Amino acid sequence: MYPLMKQILPIAQAILAVLLILGILFQRSDAGLGSAFGQDTFGGVKYEKRGAEKIIFVGTVIVAILFAISAFAVLFVK
């Protein structure tokens, strides 16, 4: 079982890494350039994720957890 995991785990990590990058890039960023220079953004409108944006967010969290689990699995397979 372990030799098979040694072959599959790096491929799974590469796929999860690409999915994680895409999930992060597809998310909406509410932080404008003003917040980088210390501008107050606390008085803004509260925003709630809905629809596809919420699905992308939850999917990104799940992929991040799977990536972390696969990274720890590498430590135990060797």
PDB file of N, CA and C in Angstrom:
ATOM      1  N   MET A   1       0.810  -1.199   0.000  1.00  0.00           N
ATOM      2  CA  MET A   1       0.000   0.000   0.000  1.00  0.00           C
ATOM      3  C   MET A   1       0.855   1.264   0.000  1.00  0.00           C
ATOM      4  N   TYR A   2       1.930   1.268   0.758  1.00  0.00           N
ATOM      5  CA  TYR A   2       2.764   2.464   0.833  1.00  0.00           C
ATOM      6  C   TYR A   2       3.445   2.818  -0.477  1.00  0.00           C
ATOM      7  N   PRO A   3       3.955   1.853  -1.273  1.00  0.00           N
ATOM      8  CA  PRO A   3       4.565   2.254  -2.549  1.00  0.00           C
ATOM      9  C   PRO A   3       3.586   2.958  -3.481  1.00  0.00           C
ATOM     10  N   LEU A   4       2.338   2.523  -3.463  1.00  0.00           N
ATOM     11  CA  LEU A   4       1.327   3.177  -4.291  1.00  0.00           C
ATOM     12  C   LEU A   4       1.064   4.600  -3.809  1.00  0.00           C
ATOM     13  N   MET A   5       1.035   4.792  -2.486  1.00  0.00           N
ATOM     14  CA  MET A   5       0.817   6.133  -1.939  1.00  0.00           C
ATOM     15  C   MET A   5       1.980   7.060  -2.266  1.00  0.00           C
ATOM     16  N   LYS A   6       3.203   6.517  -2.311  1.00  0.00           N
ATOM     17  CA  LYS A   6       4.362   7.345  -2.655  1.00  0.00           C
ATOM     18  C   LYS A   6       4.274   7.849  -4.089  1.00  0.00           C
ATOM     19  N   GLN A   7       3.597   7.111  -4.952  1.00  0.00           N
ATOM     20  CA  GLN A   7       3.449   7.528  -6.341  1.00  0.00           C
ATOM     21  C   GLN A   7       2.280   8.489  -6.528  1.00  0.00           C
ATOM     22  N   ILE A   8       1.205   8.261  -5.790  1.00  0.00           N
ATOM     23  CA  ILE A   8      -0.010   9.057  -5.985  1.00  0.00           C
ATOM     24  C   ILE A   8       0.039  10.385  -5.234  1.00  0.00           C
ATOM     25  N   LEU A   9       0.661  10.408  -4.076  1.00  0.00           N
ATOM     26  CA  LEU A   9       0.643  11.598  -3.227  1.00  0.00           C
ATOM     27  C   LEU A   9       1.230  12.851  -3.883  1.00  0.00           C
ATOM     28  N   PRO A  10       2.372  12.790  -4.562  1.00  0.00           N
ATOM     29  CA  PRO A  10       2.876  14.004  -5.214  1.00  0.00           C
ATOM     30  C   PRO A  10       1.954  14.520  -6.324  1.00  0.00           C
ATOM     31  N   ILE A  11       1.323  13.607  -7.043  1.00  0.00           N
ATOM     32  CA  ILE A  11       0.389  14.016  -8.096  1.00  0.00           C
ATOM     33  C   ILE A  11      -0.837  14.675  -7.474  1.00  0.00           C
ATOM     34  N   ALA A  12      -1.341  14.078  -6.393  1.00  0.00           N
ATOM     35  CA  ALA A  12      -2.497  14.653  -5.706  1.00  0.00           C
ATOM     36  C   ALA A  12      -2.170  16.028  -5.142  1.00  0.00           C
ATOM     37  N   GLN A  13      -0.968  16.190  -4.599  1.00  0.00           N
ATOM     38  CA  GLN A  13      -0.570  17.500  -4.067  1.00  0.00           C
ATOM     39  C   GLN A  13      -0.463  18.545  -5.172  1.00  0.00           C
ATOM     40  N   ALA A  14       0.052  18.164  -6.313  1.00  0.00           N
ATOM     41  CA  ALA A  14       0.157  19.117  -7.424  1.00  0.00           C
ATOM     42  C   ALA A  14      -1.226  19.546  -7.901  1.00  0.00           C
ATOM     43  N   ILE A  15      -2.146  18.595  -8.003  1.00  0.00           N
ATOM     44  CA  ILE A  15      -3.511  18.934  -8.424  1.00  0.00           C
ATOM     45  C   ILE A  15      -4.190  19.822  -7.382  1.00  0.00           C
ATOM     46  N   LEU A  16      -4.041  19.469  -6.101  1.00  0.00           N
ATOM     47  CA  LEU A  16      -4.636  20.283  -5.041  1.00  0.00           C
ATOM     48  C   LEU A  16      -4.031  21.685  -4.995  1.00  0.00           C
ATOM     49  N   ALA A  17      -2.734  21.791  -5.256  1.00  0.00           N
ATOM     50  CA  ALA A  17      -2.083  23.108  -5.258  1.00  0.00           C
ATOM     51  C   ALA A  17      -2.646  23.988  -6.369  1.00  0.00           C
ATOM     52  N   VAL A  18      -2.833  23.424  -7.549  1.00  0.00           N
ATOM     53  CA  VAL A  18      -3.393  24.196  -8.668  1.00  0.00           C
ATOM     54  C   VAL A  18      -4.828  24.602  -8.356  1.00  0.00           C
ATOM     55  N   LEU A  19      -5.616  23.673  -7.809  1.00  0.00           N
ATOM     56  CA  LEU A  19      -7.001  24.003  -7.451  1.00  0.00           C
ATOM     57  C   LEU A  19      -7.057  25.073  -6.365  1.00  0.00           C
ATOM     58  N   LEU A  20      -6.135  25.021  -5.413  1.00  0.00           N
ATOM     59  CA  LEU A  20      -6.097  26.024  -4.348  1.00  0.00           C
ATOM     60  C   LEU A  20      -5.747  27.403  -4.907  1.00  0.00           C
ATOM     61  N   ILE A  21      -4.790  27.450  -5.793  1.00  0.00           N
ATOM     62  CA  ILE A  21      -4.418  28.727  -6.418  1.00  0.00           C
ATOM     63  C   ILE A  21      -5.589  29.299  -7.202  1.00  0.00           C
ATOM     64  N   LEU A  22      -6.251  28.453  -7.995  1.00  0.00           N
ATOM     65  CA  LEU A  22      -7.394  28.928  -8.781  1.00  0.00           C
ATOM     66  C   LEU A  22      -8.535  29.381  -7.879  1.00  0.00           C
ATOM     67  N   GLY A  23      -8.792  28.649  -6.810  1.00  0.00           N
ATOM     68  CA  GLY A  23      -9.851  29.035  -5.882  1.00  0.00           C
ATOM     69  C   GLY A  23      -9.583  30.375  -5.229  1.00  0.00           C
ATOM     70  N   ILE A  24      -8.341  30.621  -4.878  1.00  0.00           N
ATOM     71  CA  ILE A  24      -7.981  31.899  -4.259  1.00  0.00           C
ATOM     72  C   ILE A  24      -8.085  33.032  -5.275  1.00  0.00           C
ATOM     73  N   LEU A  25      -7.648  32.781  -6.489  1.00  0.00           N
ATOM     74  CA  LEU A  25      -7.688  33.834  -7.507  1.00  0.00           C
ATOM     75  C   LEU A  25      -9.103  34.187  -7.950  1.00  0.00           C
ATOM     76  N   PHE A  26     -10.023  33.226  -7.900  1.00  0.00           N
ATOM     77  CA  PHE A  26     -11.392  33.491  -8.329  1.00  0.00           C
ATOM     78  C   PHE A  26     -12.231  34.198  -7.272  1.00  0.00           C
ATOM     79  N   GLN A  27     -11.732  34.302  -6.053  1.00  0.00           N
ATOM     80  CA  GLN A  27     -12.503  34.954  -5.007  1.00  0.00           C
ATOM     81  C   GLN A  27     -12.462  36.462  -5.169  1.00  0.00           C
ATOM     82  N   ARG A  28     -13.532  37.090  -4.716  1.00  0.00           N
ATOM     83  CA  ARG A  28     -13.637  38.548  -4.796  1.00  0.00           C
ATOM     84  C   ARG A  28     -12.833  39.173  -3.676  1.00  0.00           C
ATOM     85  N   SER A  29     -12.143  40.247  -3.977  1.00  0.00           N
ATOM     86  CA  SER A  29     -11.368  40.957  -2.967  1.00  0.00           C
ATOM     87  C   SER A  29     -12.071  42.274  -2.640  1.00  0.00           C
ATOM     88  N   ASP A  30     -12.446  42.442  -1.379  1.00  0.00           N
ATOM     89  CA  ASP A  30     -13.103  43.683  -0.961  1.00  0.00           C
ATOM     90  C   ASP A  30     -12.107  44.756  -0.548  1.00  0.00           C
ATOM     91  N   ALA A  31     -10.855  44.387  -0.381  1.00  0.00           N
ATOM     92  CA  ALA A  31      -9.850  45.345   0.060  1.00  0.00           C
ATOM     93  C   ALA A  31      -9.376  46.160  -1.128  1.00  0.00           C
ATOM     94  N   GLY A  32      -9.639  47.439  -1.083  1.00  0.00           N
ATOM     95  CA  GLY A  32      -9.175  48.321  -2.134  1.00  0.00           C
ATOM     96  C   GLY A  32      -7.765  48.803  -1.850  1.00  0.00           C
ATOM     97  N   LEU A  33      -7.237  49.617  -2.720  1.00  0.00           N
ATOM     98  CA  LEU A  33      -5.888  50.134  -2.551  1.00  0.00           C
ATOM     99  C   LEU A  33      -5.810  51.090  -1.362  1.00  0.00           C
ATOM    100  N   GLY A  34      -6.939  51.702  -1.004  1.00  0.00           N
ATOM    101  CA  GLY A  34      -6.952  52.624   0.129  1.00  0.00           C
ATOM    102  C   GLY A  34      -6.614  51.950   1.445  1.00  0.00           C
ATOM    103  N   SER A  35      -7.016  50.697   1.606  1.00  0.00           N
ATOM    104  CA  SER A  35      -6.721  50.004   2.856  1.00  0.00           C
ATOM    105  C   SER A  35      -5.235  49.690   2.987  1.00  0.00           C
ATOM    106  N   ALA A  36      -4.524  49.652   1.881  1.00  0.00           N
ATOM    107  CA  ALA A  36      -3.085  49.411   1.934  1.00  0.00           C
ATOM    108  C   ALA A  36      -2.353  50.609   2.526  1.00  0.00           C
ATOM    109  N   PHE A  37      -2.962  51.790   2.424  1.00  0.00           N
ATOM    110  CA  PHE A  37      -2.327  53.003   2.933  1.00  0.00           C
ATOM    111  C   PHE A  37      -2.973  53.491   4.228  1.00  0.00           C
ATOM    112  N   GLY A  38      -3.715  52.627   4.906  1.00  0.00           N
ATOM    113  CA  GLY A  38      -4.262  52.970   6.210  1.00  0.00           C
ATOM    114  C   GLY A  38      -5.597  53.661   6.191  1.00  0.00           C
ATOM    115  N   GLN A  39      -6.287  53.652   5.080  1.00  0.00           N
ATOM    116  CA  GLN A  39      -7.586  54.300   5.011  1.00  0.00           C
ATOM    117  C   GLN A  39      -8.609  53.459   5.775  1.00  0.00           C
ATOM    118  N   ASP A  40      -9.506  54.108   6.498  1.00  0.00           N
ATOM    119  CA  ASP A  40     -10.511  53.404   7.295  1.00  0.00           C
ATOM    120  C   ASP A  40     -11.587  52.833   6.383  1.00  0.00           C
ATOM    121  N   THR A  41     -11.817  51.506   6.489  1.00  0.00           N
ATOM    122  CA  THR A  41     -12.854  50.869   5.680  1.00  0.00           C
ATOM    123  C   THR A  41     -13.919  50.229   6.563  1.00  0.00           C
ATOM    124  N   PHE A  42     -13.936  50.565   7.863  1.00  0.00           N
ATOM    125  CA  PHE A  42     -14.893  49.948   8.768  1.00  0.00           C
ATOM    126  C   PHE A  42     -16.296  50.516   8.590  1.00  0.00           C
ATOM    127  N   GLY A  43     -16.436  51.652   8.000  1.00  0.00           N
ATOM    128  CA  GLY A  43     -17.747  52.254   7.814  1.00  0.00           C
ATOM    129  C   GLY A  43     -18.426  51.798   6.545  1.00  0.00           C
ATOM    130  N   GLY A  44     -17.849  50.842   5.856  1.00  0.00           N
ATOM    131  CA  GLY A  44     -18.382  50.376   4.582  1.00  0.00           C
ATOM    132  C   GLY A  44     -19.605  49.496   4.742  1.00  0.00           C
ATOM    133  N   VAL A  45     -20.101  49.040   3.643  1.00  0.00           N
ATOM    134  CA  VAL A  45     -21.280  48.188   3.607  1.00  0.00           C
ATOM    135  C   VAL A  45     -20.871  46.757   3.939  1.00  0.00           C
ATOM    136  N   LYS A  46     -21.673  46.101   4.769  1.00  0.00           N
ATOM    137  CA  LYS A  46     -21.392  44.706   5.102  1.00  0.00           C
ATOM    138  C   LYS A  46     -21.772  43.842   3.912  1.00  0.00           C
ATOM    139  N   TYR A  47     -20.928  42.877   3.591  1.00  0.00           N
ATOM    140  CA  TYR A  47     -21.101  42.062   2.396  1.00  0.00           C
ATOM    141  C   TYR A  47     -21.209  40.591   2.782  1.00  0.00           C
ATOM    142  N   GLU A  48     -22.180  39.900   2.195  1.00  0.00           N
ATOM    143  CA  GLU A  48     -22.368  38.481   2.479  1.00  0.00           C
ATOM    144  C   GLU A  48     -22.199  37.678   1.192  1.00  0.00           C
ATOM    145  N   LYS A  49     -21.467  36.580   1.291  1.00  0.00           N
ATOM    146  CA  LYS A  49     -21.238  35.734   0.125  1.00  0.00           C
ATOM    147  C   LYS A  49     -22.521  34.965  -0.199  1.00  0.00           C
ATOM    148  N   ARG A  50     -22.864  34.909  -1.485  1.00  0.00           N
ATOM    149  CA  ARG A  50     -24.048  34.180  -1.928  1.00  0.00           C
ATOM    150  C   ARG A  50     -23.762  33.502  -3.254  1.00  0.00           C
ATOM    151  N   GLY A  51     -24.477  32.452  -3.511  1.00  0.00           N
ATOM    152  CA  GLY A  51     -24.427  31.787  -4.806  1.00  0.00           C
ATOM    153  C   GLY A  51     -23.076  31.176  -5.114  1.00  0.00           C
ATOM    154  N   ALA A  52     -22.606  31.451  -6.322  1.00  0.00           N
ATOM    155  CA  ALA A  52     -21.351  30.867  -6.799  1.00  0.00           C
ATOM    156  C   ALA A  52     -20.160  31.317  -5.963  1.00  0.00           C
ATOM    157  N   GLU A  53     -20.205  32.541  -5.475  1.00  0.00           N
ATOM    158  CA  GLU A  53     -19.090  33.044  -4.668  1.00  0.00           C
ATOM    159  C   GLU A  53     -18.945  32.253  -3.369  1.00  0.00           C
ATOM    160  N   LYS A  54     -20.069  31.881  -2.772  1.00  0.00           N
ATOM    161  CA  LYS A  54     -20.032  31.082  -1.547  1.00  0.00           C
ATOM    162  C   LYS A  54     -19.528  29.671  -1.843  1.00  0.00           C
ATOM    163  N   ILE A  55     -19.933  29.116  -2.980  1.00  0.00           N
ATOM    164  CA  ILE A  55     -19.478  27.779  -3.382  1.00  0.00           C
ATOM    165  C   ILE A  55     -17.969  27.780  -3.611  1.00  0.00           C
ATOM    166  N   ILE A  56     -17.456  28.813  -4.266  1.00  0.00           N
ATOM    167  CA  ILE A  56     -16.013  28.916  -4.495  1.00  0.00           C
ATOM    168  C   ILE A  56     -15.270  29.056  -3.171  1.00  0.00           C
ATOM    169  N   PHE A  57     -15.809  29.842  -2.240  1.00  0.00           N
ATOM    170  CA  PHE A  57     -15.181  30.029  -0.939  1.00  0.00           C
ATOM    171  C   PHE A  57     -15.118  28.726  -0.155  1.00  0.00           C
ATOM    172  N   VAL A  58     -16.238  28.036  -0.071  1.00  0.00           N
ATOM    173  CA  VAL A  58     -16.281  26.766   0.670  1.00  0.00           C
ATOM    174  C   VAL A  58     -15.392  25.731  -0.007  1.00  0.00           C
ATOM    175  N   GLY A  59     -15.413  25.691  -1.333  1.00  0.00           N
ATOM    176  CA  GLY A  59     -14.546  24.769  -2.072  1.00  0.00           C
ATOM    177  C   GLY A  59     -13.076  25.042  -1.829  1.00  0.00           C
ATOM    178  N   THR A  60     -12.716  26.312  -1.752  1.00  0.00           N
ATOM    179  CA  THR A  60     -11.331  26.680  -1.490  1.00  0.00           C
ATOM    180  C   THR A  60     -10.900  26.239  -0.094  1.00  0.00           C
ATOM    181  N   VAL A  61     -11.792  26.391   0.880  1.00  0.00           N
ATOM    182  CA  VAL A  61     -11.486  25.946   2.241  1.00  0.00           C
ATOM    183  C   VAL A  61     -11.295  24.432   2.272  1.00  0.00           C
ATOM    184  N   ILE A  62     -12.161  23.704   1.587  1.00  0.00           N
ATOM    185  CA  ILE A  62     -12.056  22.238   1.554  1.00  0.00           C
ATOM    186  C   ILE A  62     -10.758  21.802   0.883  1.00  0.00           C
ATOM    187  N   VAL A  63     -10.416  22.439  -0.235  1.00  0.00           N
ATOM    188  CA  VAL A  63      -9.168  22.098  -0.937  1.00  0.00           C
ATOM    189  C   VAL A  63      -7.962  22.423  -0.065  1.00  0.00           C
ATOM    190  N   ALA A  64      -8.011  23.528   0.666  1.00  0.00           N
ATOM    191  CA  ALA A  64      -6.901  23.887   1.559  1.00  0.00           C
ATOM    192  C   ALA A  64      -6.731  22.848   2.666  1.00  0.00           C
ATOM    193  N   ILE A  65      -7.836  22.362   3.215  1.00  0.00           N
ATOM    194  CA  ILE A  65      -7.756  21.334   4.256  1.00  0.00           C
ATOM    195  C   ILE A  65      -7.193  20.037   3.677  1.00  0.00           C
ATOM    196  N   LEU A  66      -7.654  19.645   2.491  1.00  0.00           N
ATOM    197  CA  LEU A  66      -7.135  18.434   1.850  1.00  0.00           C
ATOM    198  C   LEU A  66      -5.648  18.566   1.531  1.00  0.00           C
ATOM    199  N   PHE A  67      -5.221  19.762   1.118  1.00  0.00           N
ATOM    200  CA  PHE A  67      -3.811  19.986   0.824  1.00  0.00           C
ATOM    201  C   PHE A  67      -2.971  19.859   2.092  1.00  0.00           C
ATOM    202  N   ALA A  68      -3.471  20.412   3.200  1.00  0.00           N
ATOM    203  CA  ALA A  68      -2.741  20.305   4.468  1.00  0.00           C
ATOM    204  C   ALA A  68      -2.655  18.853   4.930  1.00  0.00           C
ATOM    205  N   ILE A  69      -3.741  18.112   4.784  1.00  0.00           N
ATOM    206  CA  ILE A  69      -3.738  16.698   5.150  1.00  0.00           C
ATOM    207  C   ILE A  69      -2.755  15.916   4.297  1.00  0.00           C
ATOM    208  N   SER A  70      -2.711  16.217   2.993  1.00  0.00           N
ATOM    209  CA  SER A  70      -1.772  15.509   2.114  1.00  0.00           C
ATOM    210  C   SER A  70      -0.328  15.874   2.446  1.00  0.00           C
ATOM    211  N   ALA A  71      -0.107  17.115   2.873  1.00  0.00           N
ATOM    212  CA  ALA A  71       1.254  17.517   3.251  1.00  0.00           C
ATOM    213  C   ALA A  71       1.715  16.763   4.506  1.00  0.00           C
ATOM    214  N   PHE A  72       0.805  16.579   5.473  1.00  0.00           N
ATOM    215  CA  PHE A  72       1.148  15.803   6.664  1.00  0.00           C
ATOM    216  C   PHE A  72       1.286  14.320   6.336  1.00  0.00           C
ATOM    217  N   ALA A  73       0.532  13.853   5.365  1.00  0.00           N
ATOM    218  CA  ALA A  73       0.607  12.439   4.975  1.00  0.00           C
ATOM    219  C   ALA A  73       1.978  12.109   4.393  1.00  0.00           C
ATOM    220  N   VAL A  74       2.593  13.073   3.716  1.00  0.00           N
ATOM    221  CA  VAL A  74       3.932  12.858   3.159  1.00  0.00           C
ATOM    222  C   VAL A  74       4.926  12.540   4.277  1.00  0.00           C
ATOM    223  N   LEU A  75       4.758  13.182   5.414  1.00  0.00           N
ATOM    224  CA  LEU A  75       5.666  12.933   6.534  1.00  0.00           C
ATOM    225  C   LEU A  75       5.571  11.504   7.055  1.00  0.00           C
ATOM    226  N   PHE A  76       4.383  10.935   7.001  1.00  0.00           N
ATOM    227  CA  PHE A  76       4.177   9.595   7.551  1.00  0.00           C
ATOM    228  C   PHE A  76       4.431   8.480   6.557  1.00  0.00           C
ATOM    229  N   VAL A  77       4.360   8.789   5.263  1.00  0.00           N
ATOM    230  CA  VAL A  77       4.549   7.752   4.232  1.00  0.00           C
ATOM    231  C   VAL A  77       6.031   7.426   4.058  1.00  0.00           C
ATOM    232  N   LYS A  78       6.892   8.413   4.237  1.00  0.00           N
ATOM    233  CA  LYS A  78       8.327   8.177   4.022  1.00  0.00           C
ATOM    234  C   LYS A  78       8.896   7.292   5.009  1.00  0.00           C
TER     235      LYS A  78
END
